[in-house]
């Protein structure tokens, strides 16, 4: 298969690069929007993260959601510290910022089940 050939060896169409999904590929969204004021940045980021949780929250995916949360926090730390020439944010300070802006964590939904069918 040539580098520019989009058809794979078994006749399947292949993309040269995987499509960008969400925020995690190299934290591109955070990189582009890191110049925004912190309340505006975190308001949008909270909506994105909450949407990801709602979409991928299924029984048994708790570990995956916590992994996503940790990666988002690491990327946020990385890009917020690159807004100036000095390291302006430490891990304890980032933790306080996340608490102040009520950044969502992947809490499990309640396990209450109501039988609404035939019982």
Protein backbone atom coordinates (compact mmCIF):
# COMPACT_ATOMS: atom_id res chain seq x y z
CA UNK A 1 0.00 0.00 0.00
CA UNK A 2 1.37 3.40 -0.93
CA UNK A 3 1.44 6.20 1.62
CA UNK A 4 -1.17 8.19 -0.31
CA UNK A 5 -3.40 5.19 -1.10
CA UNK A 6 -6.57 5.34 1.05
CA UNK A 7 -7.54 1.73 0.26
CA UNK A 8 -6.04 -0.88 2.56
CA UNK A 9 -4.68 -4.28 1.58
CA UNK A 10 -8.04 -5.99 2.18
CA UNK A 11 -10.10 -3.45 0.24
CA UNK A 12 -11.12 -1.47 3.31
CA UNK A 13 -10.97 2.29 3.26
CA UNK A 14 -8.39 3.61 5.69
CA UNK A 15 -7.93 7.13 6.92
CA UNK A 16 -4.43 8.54 6.86
CA UNK A 17 -4.99 9.87 10.38
CA UNK A 18 -7.65 8.89 12.87
CA UNK A 19 -10.39 11.52 13.08
CA UNK A 20 -10.02 13.90 16.00
CA UNK A 21 -12.50 12.97 18.68
CA UNK A 22 -13.21 15.20 21.61
CA UNK A 23 -10.37 16.86 23.46
CA UNK A 24 -7.72 14.24 24.08
CA UNK A 25 -5.69 14.06 20.85
CA UNK A 26 -2.71 16.04 22.15
CA UNK A 27 -5.12 18.33 23.99
CA UNK A 28 -5.62 20.36 20.82
CA UNK A 29 -8.72 22.16 22.07
CA UNK A 30 -6.94 23.21 25.28
CA UNK A 31 -3.89 24.31 23.33
CA UNK A 32 -5.94 26.52 21.03
CA UNK A 33 -8.13 27.99 23.79
CA UNK A 34 -5.61 28.37 26.64
CA UNK A 35 -5.52 32.16 26.16
CA UNK A 36 -9.12 32.54 27.36
CA UNK A 37 -9.89 33.73 30.84
CA UNK A 38 -10.03 30.90 33.35
CA UNK A 39 -13.79 31.09 34.14
CA UNK A 40 -14.66 31.04 30.43
CA UNK A 41 -12.20 28.22 29.69
CA UNK A 42 -13.39 26.05 32.57
CA UNK A 43 -17.07 26.66 31.84
CA UNK A 44 -16.64 25.29 28.32
CA UNK A 45 -14.32 22.49 29.44
CA UNK A 46 -16.83 21.43 32.11
CA UNK A 47 -19.55 21.10 29.48
CA UNK A 48 -17.28 19.03 27.23
CA UNK A 49 -16.21 16.71 30.06
CA UNK A 50 -19.79 16.32 31.36
CA UNK A 51 -20.95 15.43 27.85
CA UNK A 52 -18.19 12.82 27.56
CA UNK A 53 -19.23 11.31 30.91
CA UNK A 54 -22.88 11.21 29.88
CA UNK A 55 -22.07 9.55 26.58
CA UNK A 56 -19.63 6.94 27.91
CA UNK A 57 -21.11 6.30 31.36
CA UNK A 58 -22.16 2.68 31.30
CA UNK A 59 -21.85 -0.02 33.91
CA UNK A 60 -18.28 -1.26 33.99
CA UNK A 61 -16.65 1.82 32.41
CA UNK A 62 -15.73 3.56 35.65
CA UNK A 63 -12.01 2.94 35.15
CA UNK A 64 -12.13 4.42 31.65
CA UNK A 65 -13.92 7.55 32.89
CA UNK A 66 -11.38 8.07 35.68
CA UNK A 67 -8.55 7.63 33.18
CA UNK A 68 -10.17 10.27 30.96
CA UNK A 69 -10.56 12.60 33.96
CA UNK A 70 -6.89 12.24 34.93
CA UNK A 71 -5.74 12.89 31.35
CA UNK A 72 -7.90 16.00 31.05
CA UNK A 73 -6.54 17.36 34.34
CA UNK A 74 -2.95 16.66 33.24
CA UNK A 75 -3.54 18.42 29.92
CA UNK A 76 -5.19 21.35 31.69
CA UNK A 77 -2.16 21.66 34.00
CA UNK A 78 0.21 21.48 31.05
CA UNK A 79 -1.49 24.14 28.92
CA UNK A 80 -2.33 26.52 31.77
CA UNK A 81 1.32 26.53 32.78
CA UNK A 82 2.33 27.43 29.23
CA UNK A 83 0.33 30.65 29.24
CA UNK A 84 3.35 32.58 30.53
CA UNK A 85 7.10 32.13 30.84
CA UNK A 86 6.82 31.13 34.48
CA UNK A 87 5.17 28.11 36.01
CA UNK A 88 2.17 29.85 37.45
CA UNK A 89 0.14 26.87 38.58
CA UNK A 90 1.09 24.10 41.01
CA UNK A 91 -0.83 20.86 41.52
CA UNK A 92 -2.36 21.98 44.85
CA UNK A 93 -3.41 25.29 43.29
CA UNK A 94 -4.94 23.47 40.30
CA UNK A 95 -6.86 21.25 42.71
CA UNK A 96 -8.26 24.35 44.45
CA UNK A 97 -9.22 25.87 41.08
CA UNK A 98 -11.04 22.67 40.05
CA UNK A 99 -12.90 22.61 43.37
CA UNK A 100 -13.82 26.29 43.10
CA UNK A 101 -15.25 25.88 39.61
CA UNK A 102 -16.92 22.55 40.52
CA UNK A 103 -15.12 20.58 37.82
CA UNK A 104 -17.06 17.32 37.29
CA UNK A 105 -15.59 13.99 38.37
CA UNK A 106 -16.87 10.70 36.98
CA UNK A 107 -19.11 9.79 39.93
CA UNK A 108 -21.11 6.66 39.39
CA UNK A 109 -24.83 7.16 38.83
CA UNK A 110 -27.05 5.98 41.65
CA UNK A 111 -27.70 2.26 41.69
CA UNK A 112 -31.38 2.66 42.48
CA UNK A 113 -33.40 0.68 40.02
CA UNK A 114 -37.12 0.98 39.81
CA UNK A 115 -39.06 -1.86 38.29
CA UNK A 116 -41.49 -0.16 35.96
CA UNK A 117 -42.28 -3.23 33.94
CA UNK A 118 -44.47 -6.20 34.66
CA UNK A 119 -43.80 -7.43 38.16
